PDB file of N, CA and C in Angstrom:
ATOM      1  N   MET A   1      -2.756 -23.315   8.582  1.00  0.00           N
ATOM      2  CA  MET A   1      -3.220 -22.102   7.906  1.00  0.00           C
ATOM      3  C   MET A   1      -2.660 -20.879   8.638  1.00  0.00           C
ATOM      4  N   TRP A   2      -2.193 -19.963   7.884  1.00  0.00           N
ATOM      5  CA  TRP A   2      -1.650 -18.727   8.436  1.00  0.00           C
ATOM      6  C   TRP A   2      -2.785 -17.790   8.832  1.00  0.00           C
ATOM      7  N   SER A   3      -2.646 -17.152   9.969  1.00  0.00           N
ATOM      8  CA  SER A   3      -3.620 -16.144  10.381  1.00  0.00           C
ATOM      9  C   SER A   3      -3.153 -14.775   9.889  1.00  0.00           C
ATOM     10  N   PHE A   4      -4.062 -13.817   9.937  1.00  0.00           N
ATOM     11  CA  PHE A   4      -3.715 -12.444   9.566  1.00  0.00           C
ATOM     12  C   PHE A   4      -2.537 -11.950  10.400  1.00  0.00           C
ATOM     13  N   GLU A   5      -2.593 -12.160  11.686  1.00  0.00           N
ATOM     14  CA  GLU A   5      -1.530 -11.695  12.585  1.00  0.00           C
ATOM     15  C   GLU A   5      -0.201 -12.387  12.299  1.00  0.00           C
ATOM     16  N   ASP A   6      -0.244 -13.670  11.964  1.00  0.00           N
ATOM     17  CA  ASP A   6       0.981 -14.400  11.620  1.00  0.00           C
ATOM     18  C   ASP A   6       1.673 -13.742  10.432  1.00  0.00           C
ATOM     19  N   ILE A   7       0.906 -13.466   9.393  1.00  0.00           N
ATOM     20  CA  ILE A   7       1.477 -12.888   8.175  1.00  0.00           C
ATOM     21  C   ILE A   7       1.896 -11.443   8.412  1.00  0.00           C
ATOM     22  N   LYS A   8       1.083 -10.687   9.122  1.00  0.00           N
ATOM     23  CA  LYS A   8       1.396  -9.284   9.425  1.00  0.00           C
ATOM     24  C   LYS A   8       2.761  -9.174  10.107  1.00  0.00           C
ATOM     25  N   HIS A   9       3.064 -10.117  10.962  1.00  0.00           N
ATOM     26  CA  HIS A   9       4.350 -10.133  11.665  1.00  0.00           C
ATOM     27  C   HIS A   9       5.523 -10.102  10.683  1.00  0.00           C
ATOM     28  N   PHE A  10       5.380 -10.744   9.528  1.00  0.00           N
ATOM     29  CA  PHE A  10       6.465 -10.825   8.550  1.00  0.00           C
ATOM     30  C   PHE A  10       6.651  -9.549   7.729  1.00  0.00           C
ATOM     31  N   THR A  11       5.742  -8.583   7.842  1.00  0.00           N
ATOM     32  CA  THR A  11       5.933  -7.324   7.110  1.00  0.00           C
ATOM     33  C   THR A  11       7.079  -6.501   7.696  1.00  0.00           C
ATOM     34  N   ASP A  12       7.528  -6.840   8.881  1.00  0.00           N
ATOM     35  CA  ASP A  12       8.671  -6.161   9.515  1.00  0.00           C
ATOM     36  C   ASP A  12       9.968  -6.947   9.378  1.00  0.00           C
ATOM     37  N   HIS A  13       9.953  -8.009   8.628  1.00  0.00           N
ATOM     38  CA  HIS A  13      11.128  -8.867   8.497  1.00  0.00           C
ATOM     39  C   HIS A  13      12.264  -8.102   7.798  1.00  0.00           C
ATOM     40  N   PRO A  14      13.512  -8.336   8.184  1.00  0.00           N
ATOM     41  CA  PRO A  14      14.629  -7.610   7.569  1.00  0.00           C
ATOM     42  C   PRO A  14      14.889  -7.985   6.102  1.00  0.00           C
ATOM     43  N   ASP A  15      14.410  -9.138   5.655  1.00  0.00           N
ATOM     44  CA  ASP A  15      14.654  -9.567   4.272  1.00  0.00           C
ATOM     45  C   ASP A  15      13.488  -9.195   3.364  1.00  0.00           C
ATOM     46  N   ALA A  16      13.801  -8.485   2.271  1.00  0.00           N
ATOM     47  CA  ALA A  16      12.771  -8.035   1.333  1.00  0.00           C
ATOM     48  C   ALA A  16      11.947  -9.180   0.744  1.00  0.00           C
ATOM     49  N   PRO A  17      12.533 -10.317   0.377  1.00  0.00           N
ATOM     50  CA  PRO A  17      11.691 -11.388  -0.171  1.00  0.00           C
ATOM     51  C   PRO A  17      10.633 -11.881   0.821  1.00  0.00           C
ATOM     52  N   VAL A  18      10.952 -11.867   2.091  1.00  0.00           N
ATOM     53  CA  VAL A  18       9.977 -12.282   3.103  1.00  0.00           C
ATOM     54  C   VAL A  18       8.868 -11.238   3.207  1.00  0.00           C
ATOM     55  N   ARG A  19       9.240  -9.956   3.182  1.00  0.00           N
ATOM     56  CA  ARG A  19       8.228  -8.897   3.220  1.00  0.00           C
ATOM     57  C   ARG A  19       7.341  -8.960   1.980  1.00  0.00           C
ATOM     58  N   SER A  20       7.937  -9.239   0.819  1.00  0.00           N
ATOM     59  CA  SER A  20       7.161  -9.371  -0.422  1.00  0.00           C
ATOM     60  C   SER A  20       6.149 -10.499  -0.309  1.00  0.00           C
ATOM     61  N   TRP A  21       6.601 -11.626   0.242  1.00  0.00           N
ATOM     62  CA  TRP A  21       5.704 -12.762   0.452  1.00  0.00           C
ATOM     63  C   TRP A  21       4.538 -12.339   1.354  1.00  0.00           C
ATOM     64  N   ALA A  22       4.850 -11.610   2.423  1.00  0.00           N
ATOM     65  CA  ALA A  22       3.813 -11.188   3.365  1.00  0.00           C
ATOM     66  C   ALA A  22       2.804 -10.263   2.691  1.00  0.00           C
ATOM     67  N   VAL A  23       3.271  -9.323   1.886  1.00  0.00           N
ATOM     68  CA  VAL A  23       2.371  -8.416   1.174  1.00  0.00           C
ATOM     69  C   VAL A  23       1.450  -9.209   0.248  1.00  0.00           C
ATOM     70  N   ASP A  24       2.018 -10.100  -0.525  1.00  0.00           N
ATOM     71  CA  ASP A  24       1.206 -10.909  -1.445  1.00  0.00           C
ATOM     72  C   ASP A  24       0.175 -11.752  -0.700  1.00  0.00           C
ATOM     73  N   ARG A  25       0.565 -12.361   0.394  1.00  0.00           N
ATOM     74  CA  ARG A  25      -0.353 -13.201   1.176  1.00  0.00           C
ATOM     75  C   ARG A  25      -1.462 -12.370   1.806  1.00  0.00           C
ATOM     76  N   LEU A  26      -1.118 -11.199   2.348  1.00  0.00           N
ATOM     77  CA  LEU A  26      -2.149 -10.343   2.947  1.00  0.00           C
ATOM     78  C   LEU A  26      -3.189  -9.944   1.912  1.00  0.00           C
ATOM     79  N   ILE A  27      -2.722  -9.566   0.738  1.00  0.00           N
ATOM     80  CA  ILE A  27      -3.640  -9.144  -0.322  1.00  0.00           C
ATOM     81  C   ILE A  27      -4.531 -10.304  -0.757  1.00  0.00           C
ATOM     82  N   LYS A  28      -3.942 -11.473  -0.907  1.00  0.00           N
ATOM     83  CA  LYS A  28      -4.707 -12.616  -1.391  1.00  0.00           C
ATOM     84  C   LYS A  28      -5.648 -13.194  -0.335  1.00  0.00           C
ATOM     85  N   LEU A  29      -5.157 -13.344   0.877  1.00  0.00           N
ATOM     86  CA  LEU A  29      -5.942 -14.035   1.903  1.00  0.00           C
ATOM     87  C   LEU A  29      -6.812 -13.128   2.766  1.00  0.00           C
ATOM     88  N   PHE A  30      -6.382 -11.873   2.940  1.00  0.00           N
ATOM     89  CA  PHE A  30      -7.086 -10.970   3.855  1.00  0.00           C
ATOM     90  C   PHE A  30      -7.281  -9.583   3.235  1.00  0.00           C
ATOM     91  N   PRO A  31      -7.901  -9.502   2.067  1.00  0.00           N
ATOM     92  CA  PRO A  31      -8.019  -8.203   1.410  1.00  0.00           C
ATOM     93  C   PRO A  31      -8.798  -7.159   2.213  1.00  0.00           C
ATOM     94  N   ASP A  32      -9.737  -7.594   3.028  1.00  0.00           N
ATOM     95  CA  ASP A  32     -10.515  -6.637   3.817  1.00  0.00           C
ATOM     96  C   ASP A  32      -9.726  -6.029   4.968  1.00  0.00           C
ATOM     97  N   GLN A  33      -8.663  -6.686   5.388  1.00  0.00           N
ATOM     98  CA  GLN A  33      -7.858  -6.207   6.505  1.00  0.00           C
ATOM     99  C   GLN A  33      -6.494  -5.680   6.060  1.00  0.00           C
ATOM    100  N   ALA A  34      -6.086  -5.981   4.859  1.00  0.00           N
ATOM    101  CA  ALA A  34      -4.719  -5.703   4.417  1.00  0.00           C
ATOM    102  C   ALA A  34      -4.393  -4.222   4.313  1.00  0.00           C
ATOM    103  N   GLY A  35      -5.338  -3.379   3.965  1.00  0.00           N
ATOM    104  CA  GLY A  35      -5.065  -1.969   3.686  1.00  0.00           C
ATOM    105  C   GLY A  35      -4.315  -1.236   4.774  1.00  0.00           C
ATOM    106  N   ASP A  36      -4.748  -1.389   6.003  1.00  0.00           N
ATOM    107  CA  ASP A  36      -4.108  -0.652   7.095  1.00  0.00           C
ATOM    108  C   ASP A  36      -2.667  -1.100   7.327  1.00  0.00           C
ATOM    109  N   VAL A  37      -2.366  -2.344   7.036  1.00  0.00           N
ATOM    110  CA  VAL A  37      -0.987  -2.823   7.141  1.00  0.00           C
ATOM    111  C   VAL A  37      -0.172  -2.335   5.952  1.00  0.00           C
ATOM    112  N   LEU A  38      -0.761  -2.365   4.765  1.00  0.00           N
ATOM    113  CA  LEU A  38      -0.030  -1.981   3.561  1.00  0.00           C
ATOM    114  C   LEU A  38       0.302  -0.499   3.524  1.00  0.00           C
ATOM    115  N   VAL A  39      -0.470   0.318   4.225  1.00  0.00           N
ATOM    116  CA  VAL A  39      -0.132   1.735   4.335  1.00  0.00           C
ATOM    117  C   VAL A  39       1.275   1.890   4.911  1.00  0.00           C
ATOM    118  N   THR A  40       1.626   1.033   5.842  1.00  0.00           N
ATOM    119  CA  THR A  40       2.946   1.111   6.465  1.00  0.00           C
ATOM    120  C   THR A  40       4.048   0.638   5.529  1.00  0.00           C
ATOM    121  N   MET A  41       3.691  -0.011   4.445  1.00  0.00           N
ATOM    122  CA  MET A  41       4.671  -0.559   3.513  1.00  0.00           C
ATOM    123  C   MET A  41       4.993   0.397   2.361  1.00  0.00           C
ATOM    124  N   LEU A  42       4.341   1.548   2.308  1.00  0.00           N
ATOM    125  CA  LEU A  42       4.549   2.468   1.191  1.00  0.00           C
ATOM    126  C   LEU A  42       5.956   3.042   1.124  1.00  0.00           C
ATOM    127  N   ASP A  43       6.649   3.063   2.228  1.00  0.00           N
ATOM    128  CA  ASP A  43       8.018   3.584   2.250  1.00  0.00           C
ATOM    129  C   ASP A  43       9.063   2.470   2.283  1.00  0.00           C
ATOM    130  N   ASP A  44       8.633   1.255   2.032  1.00  0.00           N
ATOM    131  CA  ASP A  44       9.557   0.129   2.054  1.00  0.00           C
ATOM    132  C   ASP A  44      10.651   0.331   1.003  1.00  0.00           C
ATOM    133  N   GLN A  45      11.848  -0.081   1.330  1.00  0.00           N
ATOM    134  CA  GLN A  45      12.975   0.052   0.404  1.00  0.00           C
ATOM    135  C   GLN A  45      12.846  -0.861  -0.811  1.00  0.00           C
ATOM    136  N   GLY A  46      12.082  -1.923  -0.679  1.00  0.00           N
ATOM    137  CA  GLY A  46      11.842  -2.805  -1.821  1.00  0.00           C
ATOM    138  C   GLY A  46      10.803  -2.192  -2.740  1.00  0.00           C
ATOM    139  N   ARG A  47      11.189  -1.889  -3.972  1.00  0.00           N
ATOM    140  CA  ARG A  47      10.267  -1.222  -4.904  1.00  0.00           C
ATOM    141  C   ARG A  47       9.005  -2.038  -5.128  1.00  0.00           C
ATOM    142  N   TYR A  48       9.165  -3.349  -5.279  1.00  0.00           N
ATOM    143  CA  TYR A  48       7.996  -4.203  -5.509  1.00  0.00           C
ATOM    144  C   TYR A  48       7.003  -4.065  -4.360  1.00  0.00           C
ATOM    145  N   ILE A  49       7.516  -4.080  -3.155  1.00  0.00           N
ATOM    146  CA  ILE A  49       6.664  -4.021  -1.966  1.00  0.00           C
ATOM    147  C   ILE A  49       5.903  -2.708  -1.921  1.00  0.00           C
ATOM    148  N   ALA A  50       6.601  -1.605  -2.108  1.00  0.00           N
ATOM    149  CA  ALA A  50       5.967  -0.285  -2.074  1.00  0.00           C
ATOM    150  C   ALA A  50       4.948  -0.144  -3.199  1.00  0.00           C
ATOM    151  N   HIS A  51       5.303  -0.587  -4.411  1.00  0.00           N
ATOM    152  CA  HIS A  51       4.393  -0.452  -5.548  1.00  0.00           C
ATOM    153  C   HIS A  51       3.171  -1.354  -5.407  1.00  0.00           C
ATOM    154  N   LYS A  52       3.379  -2.569  -4.955  1.00  0.00           N
ATOM    155  CA  LYS A  52       2.256  -3.503  -4.772  1.00  0.00           C
ATOM    156  C   LYS A  52       1.291  -2.975  -3.705  1.00  0.00           C
ATOM    157  N   SER A  53       1.851  -2.423  -2.642  1.00  0.00           N
ATOM    158  CA  SER A  53       1.018  -1.867  -1.569  1.00  0.00           C
ATOM    159  C   SER A  53       0.203  -0.688  -2.074  1.00  0.00           C
ATOM    160  N   LEU A  54       0.841   0.222  -2.809  1.00  0.00           N
ATOM    161  CA  LEU A  54       0.146   1.388  -3.348  1.00  0.00           C
ATOM    162  C   LEU A  54      -0.923   0.967  -4.342  1.00  0.00           C
ATOM    163  N   ASP A  55      -0.602   0.017  -5.194  1.00  0.00           N
ATOM    164  CA  ASP A  55      -1.569  -0.477  -6.170  1.00  0.00           C
ATOM    165  C   ASP A  55      -2.802  -1.054  -5.473  1.00  0.00           C
ATOM    166  N   PHE A  56      -2.582  -1.815  -4.420  1.00  0.00           N
ATOM    167  CA  PHE A  56      -3.706  -2.389  -3.677  1.00  0.00           C
ATOM    168  C   PHE A  56      -4.563  -1.281  -3.068  1.00  0.00           C
ATOM    169  N   LEU A  57      -3.936  -0.298  -2.446  1.00  0.00           N
ATOM    170  CA  LEU A  57      -4.695   0.792  -1.817  1.00  0.00           C
ATOM    171  C   LEU A  57      -5.516   1.549  -2.847  1.00  0.00           C
ATOM    172  N   ALA A  58      -4.973   1.716  -4.046  1.00  0.00           N
ATOM    173  CA  ALA A  58      -5.693   2.431  -5.107  1.00  0.00           C
ATOM    174  C   ALA A  58      -6.940   1.677  -5.545  1.00  0.00           C
ATOM    175  N   LYS A  59      -6.917   0.378  -5.389  1.00  0.00           N
ATOM    176  CA  LYS A  59      -8.041  -0.453  -5.848  1.00  0.00           C
ATOM    177  C   LYS A  59      -9.037  -0.798  -4.740  1.00  0.00           C
ATOM    178  N   THR A  60      -8.849  -0.265  -3.552  1.00  0.00           N
ATOM    179  CA  THR A  60      -9.725  -0.619  -2.439  1.00  0.00           C
ATOM    180  C   THR A  60     -11.132  -0.058  -2.581  1.00  0.00           C
ATOM    181  N   GLY A  61     -11.280   1.053  -3.299  1.00  0.00           N
ATOM    182  CA  GLY A  61     -12.587   1.684  -3.373  1.00  0.00           C
ATOM    183  C   GLY A  61     -12.930   2.462  -2.119  1.00  0.00           C
ATOM    184  N   GLU A  62     -11.913   2.822  -1.342  1.00  0.00           N
ATOM    185  CA  GLU A  62     -12.124   3.561  -0.099  1.00  0.00           C
ATOM    186  C   GLU A  62     -11.396   4.910  -0.146  1.00  0.00           C
ATOM    187  N   PRO A  63     -11.883   5.831  -0.988  1.00  0.00           N
ATOM    188  CA  PRO A  63     -11.185   7.113  -1.120  1.00  0.00           C
ATOM    189  C   PRO A  63     -11.153   7.938   0.160  1.00  0.00           C
ATOM    190  N   GLU A  64     -12.201   7.873   0.959  1.00  0.00           N
ATOM    191  CA  GLU A  64     -12.230   8.668   2.191  1.00  0.00           C
ATOM    192  C   GLU A  64     -11.228   8.143   3.217  1.00  0.00           C
ATOM    193  N   LYS A  65     -10.969   6.860   3.168  1.00  0.00           N
ATOM    194  CA  LYS A  65     -10.056   6.251   4.134  1.00  0.00           C
ATOM    195  C   LYS A  65      -8.590   6.458   3.755  1.00  0.00           C
ATOM    196  N   TYR A  66      -8.248   6.209   2.483  1.00  0.00           N
ATOM    197  CA  TYR A  66      -6.847   6.252   2.070  1.00  0.00           C
ATOM    198  C   TYR A  66      -6.467   7.511   1.284  1.00  0.00           C
ATOM    199  N   GLY A  67      -7.437   8.201   0.734  1.00  0.00           N
ATOM    200  CA  GLY A  67      -7.157   9.388  -0.062  1.00  0.00           C
ATOM    201  C   GLY A  67      -6.387  10.480   0.662  1.00  0.00           C
ATOM    202  N   PRO A  68      -6.818  10.885   1.863  1.00  0.00           N
ATOM    203  CA  PRO A  68      -6.098  11.955   2.549  1.00  0.00           C
ATOM    204  C   PRO A  68      -4.624  11.616   2.814  1.00  0.00           C
ATOM    205  N   MET A  69      -4.361  10.397   3.211  1.00  0.00           N
ATOM    206  CA  MET A  69      -2.997   9.988   3.492  1.00  0.00           C
ATOM    207  C   MET A  69      -2.158   9.960   2.215  1.00  0.00           C
ATOM    208  N   LEU A  70      -2.716   9.451   1.131  1.00  0.00           N
ATOM    209  CA  LEU A  70      -1.980   9.439  -0.134  1.00  0.00           C
ATOM    210  C   LEU A  70      -1.794  10.849  -0.669  1.00  0.00           C
ATOM    211  N   GLY A  71      -2.808  11.708  -0.496  1.00  0.00           N
ATOM    212  CA  GLY A  71      -2.689  13.102  -0.922  1.00  0.00           C
ATOM    213  C   GLY A  71      -1.603  13.840  -0.167  1.00  0.00           C
ATOM    214  N   GLU A  72      -1.479  13.566   1.109  1.00  0.00           N
ATOM    215  CA  GLU A  72      -0.425  14.179   1.918  1.00  0.00           C
ATOM    216  C   GLU A  72       0.954  13.728   1.426  1.00  0.00           C
ATOM    217  N   ARG A  73       1.081  12.466   1.108  1.00  0.00           N
ATOM    218  CA  ARG A  73       2.346  11.946   0.586  1.00  0.00           C
ATOM    219  C   ARG A  73       2.675  12.562  -0.768  1.00  0.00           C
ATOM    220  N   LEU A  74       1.640  12.800  -1.578  1.00  0.00           N
ATOM    221  CA  LEU A  74       1.840  13.380  -2.901  1.00  0.00           C
ATOM    222  C   LEU A  74       2.505  14.751  -2.806  1.00  0.00           C
ATOM    223  N   GLN A  75       2.153  15.525  -1.795  1.00  0.00           N
ATOM    224  CA  GLN A  75       2.693  16.876  -1.646  1.00  0.00           C
ATOM    225  C   GLN A  75       4.200  16.893  -1.430  1.00  0.00           C
ATOM    226  N   ARG A  76       4.760  15.820  -0.878  1.00  0.00           N
ATOM    227  CA  ARG A  76       6.207  15.798  -0.640  1.00  0.00           C
ATOM    228  C   ARG A  76       6.952  14.801  -1.528  1.00  0.00           C
ATOM    229  N   ALA A  77       6.223  14.177  -2.451  1.00  0.00           N
ATOM    230  CA  ALA A  77       6.818  13.175  -3.335  1.00  0.00           C
ATOM    231  C   ALA A  77       7.521  13.833  -4.516  1.00  0.00           C
ATOM    232  N   GLU A  78       8.465  13.090  -5.053  1.00  0.00           N
ATOM    233  CA  GLU A  78       9.204  13.559  -6.233  1.00  0.00           C
ATOM    234  C   GLU A  78       9.348  12.426  -7.234  1.00  0.00           C
ATOM    235  N   GLY A  79       9.570  12.811  -8.471  1.00  0.00           N
ATOM    236  CA  GLY A  79       9.885  11.847  -9.513  1.00  0.00           C
ATOM    237  C   GLY A  79       8.852  10.749  -9.691  1.00  0.00           C
ATOM    238  N   GLU A  80       9.365   9.514  -9.783  1.00  0.00           N
ATOM    239  CA  GLU A  80       8.509   8.360 -10.031  1.00  0.00           C
ATOM    240  C   GLU A  80       7.465   8.170  -8.931  1.00  0.00           C
ATOM    241  N   GLN A  81       7.853   8.437  -7.694  1.00  0.00           N
ATOM    242  CA  GLN A  81       6.909   8.273  -6.590  1.00  0.00           C
ATOM    243  C   GLN A  81       5.731   9.239  -6.749  1.00  0.00           C
ATOM    244  N   PHE A  82       5.992  10.466  -7.202  1.00  0.00           N
ATOM    245  CA  PHE A  82       4.924  11.435  -7.434  1.00  0.00           C
ATOM    246  C   PHE A  82       3.936  10.889  -8.465  1.00  0.00           C
ATOM    247  N   GLY A  83       4.462  10.378  -9.557  1.00  0.00           N
ATOM    248  CA  GLY A  83       3.608   9.843 -10.610  1.00  0.00           C
ATOM    249  C   GLY A  83       2.771   8.668 -10.141  1.00  0.00           C
ATOM    250  N   ARG A  84       3.369   7.781  -9.388  1.00  0.00           N
ATOM    251  CA  ARG A  84       2.641   6.614  -8.888  1.00  0.00           C
ATOM    252  C   ARG A  84       1.538   7.029  -7.912  1.00  0.00           C
ATOM    253  N   LEU A  85       1.853   7.974  -7.030  1.00  0.00           N
ATOM    254  CA  LEU A  85       0.849   8.461  -6.086  1.00  0.00           C
ATOM    255  C   LEU A  85      -0.298   9.167  -6.804  1.00  0.00           C
ATOM    256  N   ALA A  86       0.034   9.990  -7.783  1.00  0.00           N
ATOM    257  CA  ALA A  86      -1.003  10.691  -8.545  1.00  0.00           C
ATOM    258  C   ALA A  86      -1.914   9.701  -9.259  1.00  0.00           C
ATOM    259  N   LEU A  87      -1.328   8.686  -9.860  1.00  0.00           N
ATOM    260  CA  LEU A  87      -2.110   7.661 -10.537  1.00  0.00           C
ATOM    261  C   LEU A  87      -2.993   6.897  -9.544  1.00  0.00           C
ATOM    262  N   ALA A  88      -2.444   6.574  -8.386  1.00  0.00           N
ATOM    263  CA  ALA A  88      -3.217   5.857  -7.363  1.00  0.00           C
ATOM    264  C   ALA A  88      -4.398   6.699  -6.891  1.00  0.00           C
ATOM    265  N   LEU A  89      -4.182   7.988  -6.682  1.00  0.00           N
ATOM    266  CA  LEU A  89      -5.272   8.863  -6.241  1.00  0.00           C
ATOM    267  C   LEU A  89      -6.352   8.979  -7.306  1.00  0.00           C
ATOM    268  N   ALA A  90      -5.940   9.041  -8.570  1.00  0.00           N
ATOM    269  CA  ALA A  90      -6.915   9.096  -9.657  1.00  0.00           C
ATOM    270  C   ALA A  90      -7.714   7.798  -9.718  1.00  0.00           C
ATOM    271  N   GLU A  91      -7.024   6.672  -9.598  1.00  0.00           N
ATOM    272  CA  GLU A  91      -7.706   5.381  -9.644  1.00  0.00           C
ATOM    273  C   GLU A  91      -8.642   5.213  -8.449  1.00  0.00           C
ATOM    274  N   LEU A  92      -8.222   5.719  -7.313  1.00  0.00           N
ATOM    275  CA  LEU A  92      -9.036   5.653  -6.103  1.00  0.00           C
ATOM    276  C   LEU A  92     -10.262   6.561  -6.213  1.00  0.00           C
ATOM    277  N   GLY A  93     -10.153   7.600  -7.051  1.00  0.00           N
ATOM    278  CA  GLY A  93     -11.258   8.527  -7.220  1.00  0.00           C
ATOM    279  C   GLY A  93     -11.373   9.532  -6.091  1.00  0.00           C
ATOM    280  N   TYR A  94     -10.241   9.889  -5.532  1.00  0.00           N
ATOM    281  CA  TYR A  94     -10.240  10.842  -4.409  1.00  0.00           C
ATOM    282  C   TYR A  94     -10.390  12.256  -4.969  1.00  0.00           C
ATOM    283  N   ARG A  95     -11.578  12.810  -4.860  1.00  0.00           N
ATOM    284  CA  ARG A  95     -11.933  14.084  -5.484  1.00  0.00           C
ATOM    285  C   ARG A  95     -11.030  15.250  -5.119  1.00  0.00           C
ATOM    286  N   PRO A  96     -10.681  15.484  -3.845  1.00  0.00           N
ATOM    287  CA  PRO A  96      -9.824  16.629  -3.526  1.00  0.00           C
ATOM    288  C   PRO A  96      -8.477  16.601  -4.262  1.00  0.00           C
ATOM    289  N   ALA A  97      -7.963  15.439  -4.533  1.00  0.00           N
ATOM    290  CA  ALA A  97      -6.681  15.340  -5.239  1.00  0.00           C
ATOM    291  C   ALA A  97      -6.862  15.525  -6.737  1.00  0.00           C
ATOM    292  N   LEU A  98      -8.032  15.170  -7.249  1.00  0.00           N
ATOM    293  CA  LEU A  98      -8.260  15.300  -8.682  1.00  0.00           C
ATOM    294  C   LEU A  98      -8.339  16.757  -9.073  1.00  0.00           C
TER     295      LEU A  98
END
């Protein structure tokens, strides 16, 4: 059985498919711990990885924890990333961003 730390180690892997696997496993096996690791994946070059991480953070129900960081990113985001961040903040229910 993989531990949280074992899987977390693979989020830094140079190959995107391995990082994607790690993101999916963290979300499925360790949802209570995954958020803080997935925050670091928001700038990943793999679109799937970045989008999956943002989607998970939006669904955590922790607006006070992730809202400020996502709101800060929204201020410097452009194009599709702006739209995704805005949608995530709305789904998260982060009042200052709304």
